[in-house]
Amino acid sequence: MKRTLSQGSVDIYAAQCKNCLKWREIDTQEEFEEIRSKVTEEPFLCSRKANSSCDEPGDIEYDSTRTWVIDKPNLPKTPQGFKRSLVLRKDYSKLDAYYITPAGKKLRTRNEIAAFLKDNPEFKGVSASDFDFSSPKIMQDTIPEIIEQKDSANKKVKIAKDEV
């Protein structure tokens, strides 16, 4: 399961077919999360997407025209009404995950989630464990040629892709 990033946020959701290894675009974040939440027990297949088969060309090619990240399998689906958002740090070091409540408030930690749920009893069927702040892995071979990263002394340095 991979997502592609552009300008700091996810712009395309994609899943790789277990049989032919072609990438298929997934129409919505919700559909992507449904696939990801049970990919180990139900691997993605081209036939799962309407009008697709392993005989058809892939929807998207894995290349460095955009930054790709790979999500952990079997993460829970985001609870109904909330939205999981990922933001790429400027130095491409990681993605920060946070959740947006139905009212639009950003929640950045499990403690903020727990406090929100305590203060909003209408979400009684939702628990803090339904939220996962795991960060997808950034695929190093797809980061831009030159990025600003910090060295061990926290000084900004420019690093060419072949040095990463």
N, C-alpha and C. Protein backbone atom coordinates (compact mmCIF):
# COMPACT_ATOMS: atom_id res chain seq x y z
N MET A 1 0.85 -1.17 0.00
CA MET A 1 0.00 0.00 0.00
C MET A 1 0.90 1.23 0.00
N LYS A 2 0.71 2.09 -0.92
CA LYS A 2 1.51 3.31 -0.95
C LYS A 2 0.62 4.49 -1.21
N ARG A 3 1.11 5.63 -0.78
CA ARG A 3 0.47 6.89 -1.06
C ARG A 3 1.54 7.73 -1.73
N THR A 4 1.14 8.65 -2.55
CA THR A 4 2.12 9.54 -3.15
C THR A 4 1.92 10.92 -2.57
N LEU A 5 3.01 11.63 -2.41
CA LEU A 5 2.97 12.94 -1.78
C LEU A 5 3.41 14.01 -2.75
N SER A 6 2.78 15.13 -2.62
CA SER A 6 3.17 16.29 -3.40
C SER A 6 2.88 17.51 -2.55
N GLN A 7 3.83 18.39 -2.46
CA GLN A 7 3.69 19.62 -1.68
C GLN A 7 3.23 19.35 -0.26
N GLY A 8 3.74 18.27 0.34
CA GLY A 8 3.52 18.04 1.76
C GLY A 8 2.31 17.24 2.16
N SER A 9 1.46 16.87 1.22
CA SER A 9 0.29 16.08 1.62
C SER A 9 0.00 15.00 0.58
N VAL A 10 -0.86 14.08 0.94
CA VAL A 10 -1.20 12.97 0.06
C VAL A 10 -2.06 13.47 -1.10
N ASP A 11 -1.68 13.13 -2.32
CA ASP A 11 -2.52 13.53 -3.45
C ASP A 11 -3.08 12.33 -4.22
N ILE A 12 -2.51 11.16 -4.04
CA ILE A 12 -3.04 9.95 -4.70
C ILE A 12 -2.89 8.78 -3.73
N TYR A 13 -3.94 7.99 -3.63
CA TYR A 13 -3.87 6.74 -2.86
C TYR A 13 -3.76 5.62 -3.87
N ALA A 14 -2.90 4.64 -3.59
CA ALA A 14 -2.69 3.54 -4.52
C ALA A 14 -2.47 2.25 -3.76
N ALA A 15 -2.84 1.15 -4.38
CA ALA A 15 -2.59 -0.18 -3.81
C ALA A 15 -1.96 -1.03 -4.90
N GLN A 16 -1.10 -1.94 -4.47
CA GLN A 16 -0.40 -2.81 -5.42
C GLN A 16 -1.07 -4.18 -5.43
N CYS A 17 -1.37 -4.67 -6.63
CA CYS A 17 -1.99 -5.98 -6.78
C CYS A 17 -1.02 -7.06 -6.33
N LYS A 18 -1.52 -7.97 -5.54
CA LYS A 18 -0.69 -9.08 -5.05
C LYS A 18 -0.23 -9.98 -6.19
N ASN A 19 -1.06 -10.13 -7.22
CA ASN A 19 -0.74 -11.06 -8.31
C ASN A 19 0.20 -10.48 -9.37
N CYS A 20 -0.15 -9.30 -9.91
CA CYS A 20 0.62 -8.77 -11.04
C CYS A 20 1.56 -7.63 -10.63
N LEU A 21 1.45 -7.16 -9.40
CA LEU A 21 2.28 -6.09 -8.84
C LEU A 21 2.07 -4.72 -9.49
N LYS A 22 0.99 -4.55 -10.25
CA LYS A 22 0.67 -3.25 -10.84
C LYS A 22 -0.01 -2.38 -9.78
N TRP A 23 0.19 -1.07 -9.93
CA TRP A 23 -0.41 -0.12 -8.99
C TRP A 23 -1.75 0.35 -9.51
N ARG A 24 -2.73 0.35 -8.63
CA ARG A 24 -4.08 0.83 -8.95
C ARG A 24 -4.41 2.02 -8.06
N GLU A 25 -4.87 3.11 -8.70
CA GLU A 25 -5.31 4.26 -7.91
C GLU A 25 -6.56 3.89 -7.15
N ILE A 26 -6.62 4.34 -5.92
CA ILE A 26 -7.79 4.13 -5.07
C ILE A 26 -8.51 5.47 -4.99
N ASP A 27 -9.81 5.46 -5.25
CA ASP A 27 -10.56 6.70 -5.44
C ASP A 27 -10.64 7.61 -4.21
N THR A 28 -10.78 7.03 -3.04
CA THR A 28 -10.97 7.85 -1.85
C THR A 28 -10.07 7.39 -0.70
N GLN A 29 -9.84 8.28 0.24
CA GLN A 29 -9.08 7.93 1.43
C GLN A 29 -9.81 6.85 2.21
N GLU A 30 -11.13 6.93 2.27
CA GLU A 30 -11.92 5.94 3.01
C GLU A 30 -11.75 4.55 2.40
N GLU A 31 -11.78 4.47 1.07
CA GLU A 31 -11.60 3.18 0.40
C GLU A 31 -10.18 2.66 0.63
N PHE A 32 -9.19 3.56 0.56
CA PHE A 32 -7.81 3.17 0.82
C PHE A 32 -7.68 2.61 2.24
N GLU A 33 -8.27 3.29 3.22
CA GLU A 33 -8.17 2.83 4.61
C GLU A 33 -8.88 1.48 4.80
N GLU A 34 -9.97 1.26 4.08
CA GLU A 34 -10.66 -0.03 4.14
C GLU A 34 -9.74 -1.13 3.63
N ILE A 35 -9.09 -0.90 2.51
CA ILE A 35 -8.16 -1.89 1.94
C ILE A 35 -7.00 -2.12 2.91
N ARG A 36 -6.39 -1.02 3.37
CA ARG A 36 -5.22 -1.11 4.26
C ARG A 36 -5.55 -1.81 5.57
N SER A 37 -6.75 -1.60 6.09
CA SER A 37 -7.11 -2.14 7.41
C SER A 37 -7.12 -3.67 7.45
N LYS A 38 -7.28 -4.31 6.29
CA LYS A 38 -7.31 -5.78 6.29
C LYS A 38 -6.52 -6.38 5.13
N VAL A 39 -5.44 -5.69 4.72
CA VAL A 39 -4.67 -6.14 3.56
C VAL A 39 -3.97 -7.48 3.81
N THR A 40 -3.61 -7.79 5.04
CA THR A 40 -2.94 -9.06 5.30
C THR A 40 -3.89 -10.23 5.07
N GLU A 41 -5.12 -10.12 5.56
CA GLU A 41 -6.09 -11.21 5.38
C GLU A 41 -6.80 -11.17 4.03
N GLU A 42 -6.91 -9.98 3.43
CA GLU A 42 -7.53 -9.83 2.12
C GLU A 42 -6.61 -9.00 1.22
N PRO A 43 -5.56 -9.61 0.66
CA PRO A 43 -4.63 -8.84 -0.19
C PRO A 43 -5.37 -8.16 -1.34
N PHE A 44 -4.86 -7.00 -1.74
CA PHE A 44 -5.49 -6.26 -2.84
C PHE A 44 -5.23 -6.96 -4.16
N LEU A 45 -6.26 -7.03 -4.99
CA LEU A 45 -6.15 -7.60 -6.33
C LEU A 45 -6.76 -6.61 -7.31
N CYS A 46 -6.23 -6.57 -8.52
CA CYS A 46 -6.75 -5.67 -9.55
C CYS A 46 -8.26 -5.82 -9.71
N SER A 47 -8.75 -7.04 -9.64
CA SER A 47 -10.17 -7.31 -9.86
C SER A 47 -11.07 -6.65 -8.81
N ARG A 48 -10.48 -6.23 -7.71
CA ARG A 48 -11.28 -5.57 -6.67
C ARG A 48 -11.73 -4.18 -7.13
N LYS A 49 -10.99 -3.59 -8.05
CA LYS A 49 -11.34 -2.26 -8.56
C LYS A 49 -12.20 -2.43 -9.81
N ALA A 50 -13.27 -1.67 -9.89
CA ALA A 50 -14.18 -1.75 -11.03
C ALA A 50 -13.43 -1.54 -12.35
N ASN A 51 -13.76 -2.33 -13.33
CA ASN A 51 -13.19 -2.23 -14.68
C ASN A 51 -11.67 -2.40 -14.70
N SER A 52 -11.13 -3.17 -13.77
CA SER A 52 -9.69 -3.42 -13.76
C SER A 52 -9.42 -4.91 -13.73
N SER A 53 -8.31 -5.28 -14.33
CA SER A 53 -7.84 -6.65 -14.26
C SER A 53 -6.33 -6.61 -14.41
N CYS A 54 -5.70 -7.72 -14.10
CA CYS A 54 -4.25 -7.81 -14.24
C CYS A 54 -3.81 -7.68 -15.70
N ASP A 55 -4.74 -7.87 -16.64
CA ASP A 55 -4.42 -7.74 -18.06
C ASP A 55 -4.30 -6.28 -18.50
N GLU A 56 -4.87 -5.38 -17.74
CA GLU A 56 -4.86 -3.95 -18.07
C GLU A 56 -3.55 -3.31 -17.58
N PRO A 57 -3.09 -2.23 -18.25
CA PRO A 57 -1.91 -1.51 -17.75
C PRO A 57 -2.18 -0.94 -16.35
N GLY A 58 -1.14 -0.73 -15.59
CA GLY A 58 -1.29 -0.14 -14.27
C GLY A 58 -1.81 1.29 -14.35
N ASP A 59 -2.41 1.77 -13.27
CA ASP A 59 -2.93 3.14 -13.25
C ASP A 59 -1.84 4.16 -13.03
N ILE A 60 -0.79 3.76 -12.34
CA ILE A 60 0.27 4.69 -11.97
C ILE A 60 1.57 3.89 -11.87
N GLU A 61 2.67 4.50 -12.27
CA GLU A 61 3.97 3.84 -12.20
C GLU A 61 4.75 4.35 -11.01
N TYR A 62 5.43 3.44 -10.35
CA TYR A 62 6.31 3.82 -9.25
C TYR A 62 7.55 4.46 -9.86
N ASP A 63 7.75 5.76 -9.62
CA ASP A 63 8.92 6.47 -10.11
C ASP A 63 9.16 7.69 -9.24
N SER A 64 10.16 8.47 -9.57
CA SER A 64 10.52 9.61 -8.72
C SER A 64 9.89 10.92 -9.18
N THR A 65 8.82 10.85 -9.99
CA THR A 65 8.13 12.09 -10.37
C THR A 65 7.33 12.64 -9.19
N ARG A 66 7.15 11.85 -8.16
CA ARG A 66 6.50 12.27 -6.92
C ARG A 66 7.09 11.46 -5.79
N THR A 67 6.91 11.91 -4.58
CA THR A 67 7.43 11.19 -3.42
C THR A 67 6.41 10.14 -3.00
N TRP A 68 6.88 8.90 -2.83
CA TRP A 68 6.03 7.79 -2.43
C TRP A 68 6.31 7.44 -0.98
N VAL A 69 5.26 6.99 -0.31
CA VAL A 69 5.41 6.47 1.05
C VAL A 69 4.65 5.15 1.14
N ILE A 70 5.10 4.29 2.03
CA ILE A 70 4.41 3.01 2.22
C ILE A 70 3.82 3.00 3.62
N ASP A 71 2.54 2.71 3.67
CA ASP A 71 1.81 2.69 4.93
C ASP A 71 1.95 1.33 5.58
N LYS A 72 1.84 1.29 6.88
CA LYS A 72 1.85 0.01 7.59
C LYS A 72 0.55 -0.72 7.28
N PRO A 73 0.61 -2.04 7.11
CA PRO A 73 -0.62 -2.80 6.86
C PRO A 73 -1.45 -2.92 8.13
N ASN A 74 -2.73 -3.09 7.93
CA ASN A 74 -3.69 -3.41 8.99
C ASN A 74 -3.88 -2.32 10.04
N LEU A 75 -3.58 -1.07 9.70
CA LEU A 75 -3.92 0.02 10.62
C LEU A 75 -5.44 0.14 10.66
N PRO A 76 -6.01 0.51 11.81
CA PRO A 76 -7.46 0.62 11.88
C PRO A 76 -7.97 1.75 10.98
N LYS A 77 -9.19 1.57 10.47
CA LYS A 77 -9.82 2.63 9.69
C LYS A 77 -10.10 3.80 10.63
N THR A 78 -10.02 4.99 10.10
CA THR A 78 -10.34 6.19 10.87
C THR A 78 -11.82 6.15 11.25
N PRO A 79 -12.14 6.43 12.52
CA PRO A 79 -13.56 6.40 12.93
C PRO A 79 -14.43 7.34 12.10
N GLN A 80 -15.67 6.96 11.93
CA GLN A 80 -16.66 7.72 11.16
C GLN A 80 -16.70 9.17 11.62
N GLY A 81 -16.64 10.10 10.68
CA GLY A 81 -16.73 11.52 10.98
C GLY A 81 -15.39 12.20 11.16
N PHE A 82 -14.35 11.42 11.44
CA PHE A 82 -13.00 11.98 11.62
C PHE A 82 -12.23 11.81 10.33
N LYS A 83 -11.14 12.54 10.19
CA LYS A 83 -10.28 12.40 9.02
C LYS A 83 -8.83 12.32 9.48
N ARG A 84 -8.10 11.34 8.95
CA ARG A 84 -6.67 11.21 9.24
C ARG A 84 -5.91 12.02 8.21
N SER A 85 -5.00 12.85 8.68
CA SER A 85 -4.24 13.70 7.78
C SER A 85 -2.76 13.46 8.01
N LEU A 86 -2.00 13.47 6.94
CA LEU A 86 -0.55 13.29 6.99
C LEU A 86 0.11 14.49 6.34
N VAL A 87 1.12 15.03 7.02
CA VAL A 87 1.84 16.18 6.48
C VAL A 87 3.33 15.85 6.45
N LEU A 88 3.93 16.03 5.29
CA LEU A 88 5.34 15.76 5.10
C LEU A 88 6.17 16.92 5.62
N ARG A 89 7.16 16.62 6.44
CA ARG A 89 8.05 17.67 6.94
C ARG A 89 8.89 18.21 5.79
N LYS A 90 9.27 19.48 5.88
CA LYS A 90 10.03 20.13 4.80
C LYS A 90 11.34 19.42 4.50
N ASP A 91 11.94 18.80 5.53
CA ASP A 91 13.21 18.12 5.31
C ASP A 91 13.03 16.65 4.88
N TYR A 92 11.79 16.25 4.62
CA TYR A 92 11.46 14.90 4.17
C TYR A 92 11.85 13.83 5.19
N SER A 93 12.02 14.20 6.44
CA SER A 93 12.45 13.24 7.45
C SER A 93 11.32 12.31 7.89
N LYS A 94 10.08 12.79 7.89
CA LYS A 94 8.95 11.94 8.25
C LYS A 94 7.64 12.66 7.96
N LEU A 95 6.57 11.91 8.10
CA LEU A 95 5.23 12.46 7.99
C LEU A 95 4.65 12.59 9.39
N ASP A 96 3.97 13.67 9.64
CA ASP A 96 3.28 13.84 10.91
C ASP A 96 1.81 13.51 10.69
N ALA A 97 1.28 12.63 11.54
CA ALA A 97 -0.13 12.24 11.44
C ALA A 97 -0.92 13.01 12.47
N TYR A 98 -2.11 13.43 12.07
CA TYR A 98 -3.05 13.99 13.03
C TYR A 98 -4.45 13.70 12.54
N TYR A 99 -5.41 13.91 13.42
CA TYR A 99 -6.81 13.65 13.10
C TYR A 99 -7.59 14.95 13.17
N ILE A 100 -8.56 15.07 12.30
CA ILE A 100 -9.44 16.23 12.28
C ILE A 100 -10.82 15.75 12.72
N THR A 101 -11.37 16.43 13.73
CA THR A 101 -12.68 16.06 14.26
C THR A 101 -13.77 16.48 13.27
N PRO A 102 -14.99 16.00 13.46
CA PRO A 102 -16.09 16.44 12.58
C PRO A 102 -16.28 17.96 12.59
N ALA A 103 -15.90 18.63 13.69
CA ALA A 103 -16.04 20.09 13.77
C ALA A 103 -14.81 20.82 13.23
N GLY A 104 -13.78 20.07 12.77
CA GLY A 104 -12.62 20.69 12.15
C GLY A 104 -11.43 20.93 13.07
N LYS A 105 -11.48 20.46 14.31
CA LYS A 105 -10.36 20.66 15.24
C LYS A 105 -9.29 19.61 14.97
N LYS A 106 -8.00 20.03 14.95
CA LYS A 106 -6.88 19.11 14.75
C LYS A 106 -6.50 18.51 16.10
N LEU A 107 -6.34 17.19 16.12
CA LEU A 107 -5.88 16.47 17.30
C LEU A 107 -4.57 15.78 16.93
N ARG A 108 -3.51 16.08 17.69
CA ARG A 108 -2.18 15.62 17.31
C ARG A 108 -1.64 14.47 18.14
N THR A 109 -2.28 14.16 19.28
CA THR A 109 -1.78 13.10 20.14
C THR A 109 -2.92 12.23 20.66
N ARG A 110 -2.56 11.05 21.15
CA ARG A 110 -3.57 10.17 21.73
C ARG A 110 -4.22 10.82 22.95
N ASN A 111 -3.43 11.62 23.72
CA ASN A 111 -4.00 12.33 24.88
C ASN A 111 -5.04 13.36 24.44
N GLU A 112 -4.78 14.07 23.35
CA GLU A 112 -5.76 15.03 22.83
C GLU A 112 -7.02 14.29 22.36
N ILE A 113 -6.84 13.12 21.76
CA ILE A 113 -7.99 12.31 21.32
C ILE A 113 -8.82 11.92 22.55
N ALA A 114 -8.15 11.39 23.57
CA ALA A 114 -8.85 10.94 24.79
C ALA A 114 -9.61 12.10 25.43
N ALA A 115 -9.00 13.27 25.52
CA ALA A 115 -9.67 14.43 26.11
C ALA A 115 -10.87 14.84 25.27
N PHE A 116 -10.71 14.81 23.94
CA PHE A 116 -11.82 15.16 23.06
C PHE A 116 -12.99 14.19 23.26
N LEU A 117 -12.69 12.90 23.30
CA LEU A 117 -13.75 11.89 23.46
C LEU A 117 -14.44 12.03 24.81
N LYS A 118 -13.69 12.36 25.84
CA LYS A 118 -14.27 12.55 27.18
C LYS A 118 -15.20 13.76 27.19
N ASP A 119 -14.81 14.83 26.48
CA ASP A 119 -15.61 16.05 26.43
C ASP A 119 -16.76 15.97 25.44
N ASN A 120 -16.80 14.94 24.61
CA ASN A 120 -17.83 14.81 23.58
C ASN A 120 -18.47 13.43 23.65
N PRO A 121 -19.36 13.23 24.61
CA PRO A 121 -19.95 11.90 24.83
C PRO A 121 -20.76 11.35 23.66
N GLU A 122 -21.06 12.19 22.67
CA GLU A 122 -21.78 11.68 21.49
C GLU A 122 -20.94 10.69 20.69
N PHE A 123 -19.65 10.61 20.99
CA PHE A 123 -18.76 9.65 20.33
C PHE A 123 -18.49 8.47 21.25
N LYS A 124 -19.52 8.03 21.98
CA LYS A 124 -19.33 6.99 23.00
C LYS A 124 -18.86 5.65 22.44
N GLY A 125 -19.10 5.36 21.18
CA GLY A 125 -18.65 4.09 20.60
C GLY A 125 -17.21 4.15 20.10
N VAL A 126 -16.57 5.31 20.22
CA VAL A 126 -15.22 5.51 19.71
C VAL A 126 -14.25 5.57 20.89
N SER A 127 -13.09 4.91 20.74
CA SER A 127 -12.09 4.97 21.81
C SER A 127 -10.77 5.49 21.23
N ALA A 128 -9.90 5.94 22.11
CA ALA A 128 -8.59 6.46 21.68
C ALA A 128 -7.80 5.41 20.92
N SER A 129 -8.03 4.14 21.21
CA SER A 129 -7.29 3.08 20.52
C SER A 129 -7.74 2.91 19.06
N ASP A 130 -8.83 3.58 18.67
CA ASP A 130 -9.29 3.54 17.28
C ASP A 130 -8.49 4.47 16.38
N PHE A 131 -7.56 5.23 16.97
CA PHE A 131 -6.75 6.21 16.24
C PHE A 131 -5.30 5.75 16.24
N ASP A 132 -4.64 5.85 15.11
CA ASP A 132 -3.26 5.40 15.02
C ASP A 132 -2.41 6.52 14.42
N PHE A 133 -1.37 6.89 15.14
CA PHE A 133 -0.49 7.97 14.69
C PHE A 133 0.76 7.45 13.98
N SER A 134 0.76 6.17 13.60
CA SER A 134 1.90 5.62 12.87
C SER A 134 2.16 6.43 11.61
N SER A 135 3.42 6.60 11.32
CA SER A 135 3.82 7.38 10.17
C SER A 135 4.27 6.45 9.04
N PRO A 136 3.73 6.62 7.84
CA PRO A 136 4.21 5.80 6.72
C PRO A 136 5.69 6.04 6.46
N LYS A 137 6.34 5.04 5.87
CA LYS A 137 7.76 5.12 5.55
C LYS A 137 7.94 5.87 4.23
N ILE A 138 8.82 6.85 4.24
CA ILE A 138 9.11 7.61 3.02
C ILE A 138 10.09 6.80 2.18
N MET A 139 9.77 6.61 0.93
CA MET A 139 10.63 5.86 0.03
C MET A 139 11.76 6.79 -0.44
N GLN A 140 12.96 6.51 0.06
CA GLN A 140 14.11 7.39 -0.17
C GLN A 140 14.45 7.59 -1.65
N ASP A 141 14.17 6.57 -2.47
CA ASP A 141 14.51 6.70 -3.89
C ASP A 141 13.54 7.60 -4.66
N THR A 142 12.53 8.16 -3.98
CA THR A 142 11.58 9.04 -4.66
C THR A 142 11.58 10.46 -4.11
N ILE A 143 12.49 10.77 -3.20
CA ILE A 143 12.55 12.14 -2.71
C ILE A 143 13.21 13.03 -3.76
N PRO A 144 12.91 14.33 -3.74
CA PRO A 144 13.50 15.21 -4.76
C PRO A 144 15.03 15.16 -4.74
N GLU A 145 15.63 15.52 -5.85
CA GLU A 145 17.09 15.45 -6.01
C GLU A 145 17.83 16.13 -4.87
N ILE A 146 17.44 17.33 -4.53
CA ILE A 146 18.11 18.04 -3.45
C ILE A 146 17.06 18.46 -2.44
N ILE A 147 17.29 18.08 -1.19
CA ILE A 147 16.38 18.44 -0.10
C ILE A 147 17.19 19.02 1.04
N GLU A 148 16.53 19.77 1.89
CA GLU A 148 17.20 20.26 3.09
C GLU A 148 16.94 19.28 4.21
N GLN A 149 18.00 18.73 4.78
CA GLN A 149 17.89 17.85 5.93
C GLN A 149 18.79 18.39 7.01
N LYS A 150 18.60 17.91 8.22
CA LYS A 150 19.45 18.34 9.33
C LYS A 150 20.44 17.24 9.64
N ASP A 151 21.69 17.64 9.86
CA ASP A 151 22.68 16.64 10.26
C ASP A 151 22.58 16.42 11.76
N SER A 152 23.44 15.61 12.31
CA SER A 152 23.35 15.25 13.73
C SER A 152 23.53 16.44 14.66
N ALA A 153 24.12 17.53 14.18
CA ALA A 153 24.29 18.72 15.01
C ALA A 153 23.12 19.69 14.79
N ASN A 154 22.08 19.22 14.10
CA ASN A 154 20.89 20.01 13.81
C ASN A 154 21.17 21.23 12.93
N LYS A 155 22.22 21.17 12.15
CA LYS A 155 22.50 22.21 11.18
C LYS A 155 21.89 21.77 9.86
N LYS A 156 21.28 22.71 9.17
CA LYS A 156 20.70 22.36 7.87
C LYS A 156 21.80 22.11 6.87
N VAL A 157 21.66 21.04 6.11
CA VAL A 157 22.62 20.72 5.06
C VAL A 157 21.83 20.29 3.82
N LYS A 158 22.38 20.54 2.68
CA LYS A 158 21.75 20.06 1.46
C LYS A 158 22.35 18.71 1.12
N ILE A 159 21.48 17.78 0.81
CA ILE A 159 21.92 16.41 0.52
C ILE A 159 21.38 16.02 -0.85
N ALA A 160 22.25 15.57 -1.69
CA ALA A 160 21.83 15.06 -2.99
C ALA A 160 21.21 13.69 -2.78
N LYS A 161 20.26 13.31 -3.61
CA LYS A 161 19.54 12.05 -3.44
C LYS A 161 20.48 10.85 -3.40
N ASP A 162 21.54 10.86 -4.19
CA ASP A 162 22.42 9.69 -4.21
C ASP A 162 23.25 9.55 -2.94
N GLU A 163 23.22 10.56 -2.06
CA GLU A 163 23.93 10.47 -0.78
C GLU A 163 23.03 9.95 0.32
N VAL A 164 21.72 9.91 0.09
CA VAL A 164 20.77 9.51 1.13
C VAL A 164 20.71 8.01 1.24
